[in-house]
Amino acid sequence: MSLTKQDLKEISGVLDKRLRETEAGFDEKLIRYQGAIIEAVDFRFQKVEREISELRQELRNLAITLDNFVKMMTDYKEEFIILKAEVDQIKKVFKEKFGVEIAAQR
């Protein structure tokens, strides 16, 4: 059995028709799934953005805590310097007035 040109044209027509139907079905499925994919990706991005926002807030809170700690340490240092100067003055007065030298270590 050999195929004629007419048979080949009919086969080609049937194949073209099936290909168009398949493409149409594929396009329809692509459109349907595309929305679901975009929705899932969008949901994920929103979640990531929310987490980044929370991390930024935590970072701000840590920066504020660190600033407060540094200020407290600076205040303690300044207070210590003042206290040390006052103790030095007291030691000087004791030495001048009473002849007593005060030392923390011998």
N, C-alpha and C. Protein backbone atom coordinates (compact mmCIF):
# COMPACT_ATOMS: atom_id res chain seq x y z
N MET A 1 0.84 -1.16 0.00
CA MET A 1 0.00 0.00 0.00
C MET A 1 0.90 1.24 0.00
N SER A 2 0.75 2.05 -0.95
CA SER A 2 1.54 3.27 -1.05
C SER A 2 0.64 4.47 -0.83
N LEU A 3 1.24 5.53 -0.36
CA LEU A 3 0.49 6.76 -0.07
C LEU A 3 0.55 7.69 -1.26
N THR A 4 -0.56 8.26 -1.55
CA THR A 4 -0.62 9.23 -2.64
C THR A 4 -0.44 10.62 -2.07
N LYS A 5 -0.28 11.58 -2.98
CA LYS A 5 -0.16 12.98 -2.55
C LYS A 5 -1.41 13.42 -1.80
N GLN A 6 -2.53 12.95 -2.25
CA GLN A 6 -3.81 13.29 -1.59
C GLN A 6 -3.82 12.74 -0.16
N ASP A 7 -3.35 11.50 0.01
CA ASP A 7 -3.29 10.90 1.34
C ASP A 7 -2.37 11.71 2.26
N LEU A 8 -1.23 12.11 1.72
CA LEU A 8 -0.27 12.90 2.50
C LEU A 8 -0.86 14.25 2.90
N LYS A 9 -1.63 14.88 1.99
CA LYS A 9 -2.27 16.16 2.30
C LYS A 9 -3.30 15.98 3.41
N GLU A 10 -4.07 14.89 3.33
CA GLU A 10 -5.08 14.63 4.36
C GLU A 10 -4.42 14.37 5.72
N ILE A 11 -3.34 13.59 5.70
CA ILE A 11 -2.60 13.32 6.94
C ILE A 11 -2.03 14.62 7.51
N SER A 12 -1.47 15.42 6.62
CA SER A 12 -0.92 16.71 7.04
C SER A 12 -2.00 17.60 7.63
N GLY A 13 -3.18 17.60 7.01
CA GLY A 13 -4.30 18.40 7.53
C GLY A 13 -4.73 17.94 8.91
N VAL A 14 -4.83 16.61 9.08
CA VAL A 14 -5.22 16.05 10.37
C VAL A 14 -4.18 16.40 11.44
N LEU A 15 -2.90 16.26 11.07
CA LEU A 15 -1.83 16.58 12.02
C LEU A 15 -1.84 18.06 12.39
N ASP A 16 -2.05 18.93 11.38
CA ASP A 16 -2.13 20.38 11.65
C ASP A 16 -3.28 20.70 12.60
N LYS A 17 -4.43 20.06 12.34
CA LYS A 17 -5.61 20.29 13.18
C LYS A 17 -5.32 19.85 14.62
N ARG A 18 -4.73 18.68 14.78
CA ARG A 18 -4.41 18.16 16.12
C ARG A 18 -3.38 19.05 16.82
N LEU A 19 -2.41 19.54 16.05
CA LEU A 19 -1.39 20.42 16.62
C LEU A 19 -2.02 21.72 17.12
N ARG A 20 -2.94 22.30 16.33
CA ARG A 20 -3.63 23.52 16.74
C ARG A 20 -4.46 23.29 18.00
N GLU A 21 -5.15 22.14 18.06
CA GLU A 21 -5.94 21.81 19.24
C GLU A 21 -5.05 21.65 20.48
N THR A 22 -3.92 20.99 20.27
CA THR A 22 -2.97 20.79 21.38
C THR A 22 -2.41 22.12 21.85
N GLU A 23 -2.05 22.98 20.88
CA GLU A 23 -1.53 24.30 21.23
C GLU A 23 -2.58 25.12 21.98
N ALA A 24 -3.82 25.05 21.52
CA ALA A 24 -4.90 25.78 22.18
C ALA A 24 -5.09 25.27 23.61
N GLY A 25 -5.07 23.96 23.78
CA GLY A 25 -5.19 23.37 25.12
C GLY A 25 -4.02 23.76 26.00
N PHE A 26 -2.84 23.76 25.40
CA PHE A 26 -1.64 24.15 26.15
C PHE A 26 -1.73 25.62 26.57
N ASP A 27 -2.14 26.48 25.65
CA ASP A 27 -2.28 27.91 25.97
C ASP A 27 -3.29 28.12 27.09
N GLU A 28 -4.40 27.38 27.02
CA GLU A 28 -5.44 27.50 28.05
C GLU A 28 -4.90 27.06 29.41
N LYS A 29 -4.19 25.94 29.43
CA LYS A 29 -3.61 25.46 30.69
C LYS A 29 -2.54 26.41 31.21
N LEU A 30 -1.75 26.95 30.29
CA LEU A 30 -0.70 27.89 30.68
C LEU A 30 -1.31 29.12 31.34
N ILE A 31 -2.37 29.64 30.75
CA ILE A 31 -3.03 30.81 31.31
C ILE A 31 -3.60 30.48 32.70
N ARG A 32 -4.21 29.32 32.82
CA ARG A 32 -4.81 28.91 34.09
C ARG A 32 -3.72 28.72 35.16
N TYR A 33 -2.65 28.02 34.82
CA TYR A 33 -1.59 27.76 35.80
C TYR A 33 -0.74 28.99 36.05
N GLN A 34 -0.63 29.85 35.05
CA GLN A 34 0.17 31.06 35.19
C GLN A 34 -0.36 31.91 36.34
N GLY A 35 -1.65 32.04 36.44
CA GLY A 35 -2.25 32.81 37.54
C GLY A 35 -1.93 32.19 38.89
N ALA A 36 -2.01 30.87 38.97
CA ALA A 36 -1.71 30.19 40.24
C ALA A 36 -0.24 30.35 40.61
N ILE A 37 0.64 30.24 39.60
CA ILE A 37 2.07 30.39 39.86
C ILE A 37 2.38 31.81 40.32
N ILE A 38 1.82 32.79 39.62
CA ILE A 38 2.06 34.19 40.00
C ILE A 38 1.53 34.46 41.40
N GLU A 39 0.38 33.91 41.71
CA GLU A 39 -0.21 34.10 43.05
C GLU A 39 0.69 33.49 44.12
N ALA A 40 1.21 32.29 43.86
CA ALA A 40 2.09 31.63 44.84
C ALA A 40 3.39 32.41 45.02
N VAL A 41 3.97 32.86 43.92
CA VAL A 41 5.21 33.63 44.00
C VAL A 41 4.96 34.96 44.71
N ASP A 42 3.84 35.61 44.40
CA ASP A 42 3.49 36.87 45.04
C ASP A 42 3.32 36.68 46.55
N PHE A 43 2.66 35.60 46.95
CA PHE A 43 2.47 35.30 48.37
C PHE A 43 3.83 35.12 49.05
N ARG A 44 4.72 34.41 48.37
CA ARG A 44 6.06 34.18 48.94
C ARG A 44 6.83 35.49 49.07
N PHE A 45 6.75 36.34 48.06
CA PHE A 45 7.43 37.64 48.14
C PHE A 45 6.87 38.49 49.27
N GLN A 46 5.56 38.45 49.45
CA GLN A 46 4.96 39.22 50.55
C GLN A 46 5.47 38.71 51.90
N LYS A 47 5.60 37.39 52.00
CA LYS A 47 6.11 36.81 53.25
C LYS A 47 7.56 37.25 53.48
N VAL A 48 8.37 37.21 52.44
CA VAL A 48 9.77 37.63 52.56
C VAL A 48 9.85 39.11 52.91
N GLU A 49 9.04 39.94 52.27
CA GLU A 49 9.03 41.37 52.58
C GLU A 49 8.63 41.61 54.03
N ARG A 50 7.65 40.85 54.52
CA ARG A 50 7.21 40.98 55.91
C ARG A 50 8.36 40.61 56.86
N GLU A 51 9.06 39.53 56.54
CA GLU A 51 10.18 39.10 57.38
C GLU A 51 11.30 40.13 57.37
N ILE A 52 11.58 40.71 56.20
CA ILE A 52 12.61 41.75 56.11
C ILE A 52 12.20 42.95 56.95
N SER A 53 10.94 43.32 56.88
CA SER A 53 10.44 44.44 57.68
C SER A 53 10.61 44.16 59.17
N GLU A 54 10.29 42.95 59.59
CA GLU A 54 10.46 42.57 61.00
C GLU A 54 11.93 42.61 61.41
N LEU A 55 12.81 42.13 60.53
CA LEU A 55 14.25 42.16 60.83
C LEU A 55 14.75 43.60 60.95
N ARG A 56 14.26 44.48 60.07
CA ARG A 56 14.65 45.89 60.16
C ARG A 56 14.22 46.49 61.49
N GLN A 57 13.01 46.16 61.93
CA GLN A 57 12.52 46.67 63.21
C GLN A 57 13.37 46.15 64.36
N GLU A 58 13.72 44.87 64.31
CA GLU A 58 14.59 44.30 65.34
C GLU A 58 15.95 44.98 65.33
N LEU A 59 16.47 45.27 64.15
CA LEU A 59 17.75 45.95 64.03
C LEU A 59 17.67 47.35 64.62
N ARG A 60 16.57 48.05 64.35
CA ARG A 60 16.38 49.39 64.95
C ARG A 60 16.36 49.29 66.48
N ASN A 61 15.63 48.30 66.99
CA ASN A 61 15.56 48.11 68.45
C ASN A 61 16.93 47.81 69.04
N LEU A 62 17.71 46.98 68.35
CA LEU A 62 19.07 46.68 68.83
C LEU A 62 19.95 47.92 68.79
N ALA A 63 19.81 48.74 67.76
CA ALA A 63 20.60 49.97 67.66
C ALA A 63 20.25 50.91 68.81
N ILE A 64 18.96 51.02 69.12
CA ILE A 64 18.54 51.88 70.24
C ILE A 64 19.10 51.35 71.55
N THR A 65 19.02 50.04 71.75
CA THR A 65 19.57 49.43 72.97
C THR A 65 21.06 49.68 73.07
N LEU A 66 21.78 49.51 71.97
CA LEU A 66 23.22 49.74 71.96
C LEU A 66 23.54 51.21 72.24
N ASP A 67 22.79 52.13 71.64
CA ASP A 67 22.99 53.55 71.91
C ASP A 67 22.80 53.86 73.39
N ASN A 68 21.75 53.31 73.98
CA ASN A 68 21.50 53.52 75.41
C ASN A 68 22.63 52.96 76.26
N PHE A 69 23.13 51.79 75.89
CA PHE A 69 24.23 51.18 76.63
C PHE A 69 25.50 52.02 76.53
N VAL A 70 25.81 52.48 75.33
CA VAL A 70 27.01 53.31 75.14
C VAL A 70 26.88 54.60 75.94
N LYS A 71 25.70 55.21 75.94
CA LYS A 71 25.49 56.43 76.72
C LYS A 71 25.68 56.15 78.21
N MET A 72 25.14 55.04 78.69
CA MET A 72 25.29 54.68 80.09
C MET A 72 26.76 54.49 80.45
N MET A 73 27.50 53.79 79.59
CA MET A 73 28.92 53.56 79.84
C MET A 73 29.70 54.87 79.81
N THR A 74 29.35 55.76 78.91
CA THR A 74 30.00 57.07 78.84
C THR A 74 29.72 57.86 80.12
N ASP A 75 28.49 57.82 80.59
CA ASP A 75 28.14 58.51 81.84
C ASP A 75 28.92 57.93 83.01
N TYR A 76 29.04 56.60 83.08
CA TYR A 76 29.81 55.98 84.16
C TYR A 76 31.27 56.40 84.08
N LYS A 77 31.81 56.44 82.88
CA LYS A 77 33.22 56.82 82.72
C LYS A 77 33.43 58.25 83.19
N GLU A 78 32.54 59.15 82.77
CA GLU A 78 32.66 60.55 83.20
C GLU A 78 32.53 60.66 84.71
N GLU A 79 31.59 59.93 85.28
CA GLU A 79 31.40 59.95 86.74
C GLU A 79 32.64 59.40 87.44
N PHE A 80 33.24 58.36 86.88
CA PHE A 80 34.44 57.78 87.47
C PHE A 80 35.60 58.77 87.43
N ILE A 81 35.73 59.49 86.32
CA ILE A 81 36.81 60.48 86.20
C ILE A 81 36.64 61.57 87.26
N ILE A 82 35.41 62.04 87.42
CA ILE A 82 35.13 63.07 88.43
C ILE A 82 35.42 62.53 89.82
N LEU A 83 34.96 61.31 90.11
CA LEU A 83 35.19 60.70 91.41
C LEU A 83 36.67 60.52 91.69
N LYS A 84 37.43 60.11 90.70
CA LYS A 84 38.87 59.92 90.85
C LYS A 84 39.54 61.25 91.17
N ALA A 85 39.13 62.31 90.48
CA ALA A 85 39.71 63.63 90.74
C ALA A 85 39.38 64.08 92.17
N GLU A 86 38.17 63.83 92.63
CA GLU A 86 37.78 64.19 93.99
C GLU A 86 38.59 63.41 95.03
N VAL A 87 38.79 62.12 94.79
CA VAL A 87 39.59 61.29 95.71
C VAL A 87 41.03 61.79 95.73
N ASP A 88 41.57 62.15 94.58
CA ASP A 88 42.93 62.70 94.53
C ASP A 88 43.03 63.98 95.36
N GLN A 89 42.00 64.83 95.28
CA GLN A 89 41.98 66.06 96.07
C GLN A 89 41.92 65.75 97.57
N ILE A 90 41.09 64.78 97.93
CA ILE A 90 40.97 64.38 99.34
C ILE A 90 42.31 63.85 99.85
N LYS A 91 42.97 63.03 99.04
CA LYS A 91 44.28 62.48 99.42
C LYS A 91 45.30 63.61 99.61
N LYS A 92 45.23 64.59 98.74
CA LYS A 92 46.16 65.73 98.82
C LYS A 92 45.92 66.52 100.12
N VAL A 93 44.64 66.75 100.44
CA VAL A 93 44.30 67.49 101.67
C VAL A 93 44.76 66.70 102.89
N PHE A 94 44.55 65.38 102.94
CA PHE A 94 44.99 64.57 104.07
C PHE A 94 46.50 64.65 104.23
N LYS A 95 47.22 64.64 103.12
CA LYS A 95 48.68 64.69 103.18
C LYS A 95 49.13 66.05 103.67
N GLU A 96 48.52 67.13 103.13
CA GLU A 96 48.93 68.48 103.51
C GLU A 96 48.54 68.80 104.96
N LYS A 97 47.33 68.48 105.36
CA LYS A 97 46.81 68.89 106.66
C LYS A 97 47.26 67.96 107.80
N PHE A 98 47.28 66.65 107.49
CA PHE A 98 47.53 65.68 108.57
C PHE A 98 48.85 64.92 108.40
N GLY A 99 49.48 65.07 107.24
CA GLY A 99 50.73 64.36 107.00
C GLY A 99 50.52 62.87 106.76
N VAL A 100 49.30 62.50 106.42
CA VAL A 100 48.97 61.10 106.19
C VAL A 100 48.84 60.87 104.70
N GLU A 101 49.59 59.86 104.26
CA GLU A 101 49.50 59.51 102.83
C GLU A 101 48.62 58.28 102.69
N ILE A 102 47.60 58.40 101.86
CA ILE A 102 46.66 57.30 101.67
C ILE A 102 47.00 56.60 100.36
N ALA A 103 47.12 55.27 100.43
CA ALA A 103 47.41 54.48 99.23
C ALA A 103 46.57 53.22 99.27
N ALA A 104 46.02 52.87 98.14
CA ALA A 104 45.20 51.66 98.06
C ALA A 104 46.08 50.42 98.06
N GLN A 105 47.30 50.55 97.55
CA GLN A 105 48.23 49.42 97.50
C GLN A 105 49.53 49.84 98.16
N ARG A 106 50.23 48.89 98.75
CA ARG A 106 51.52 49.19 99.40
C ARG A 106 52.64 48.63 98.61
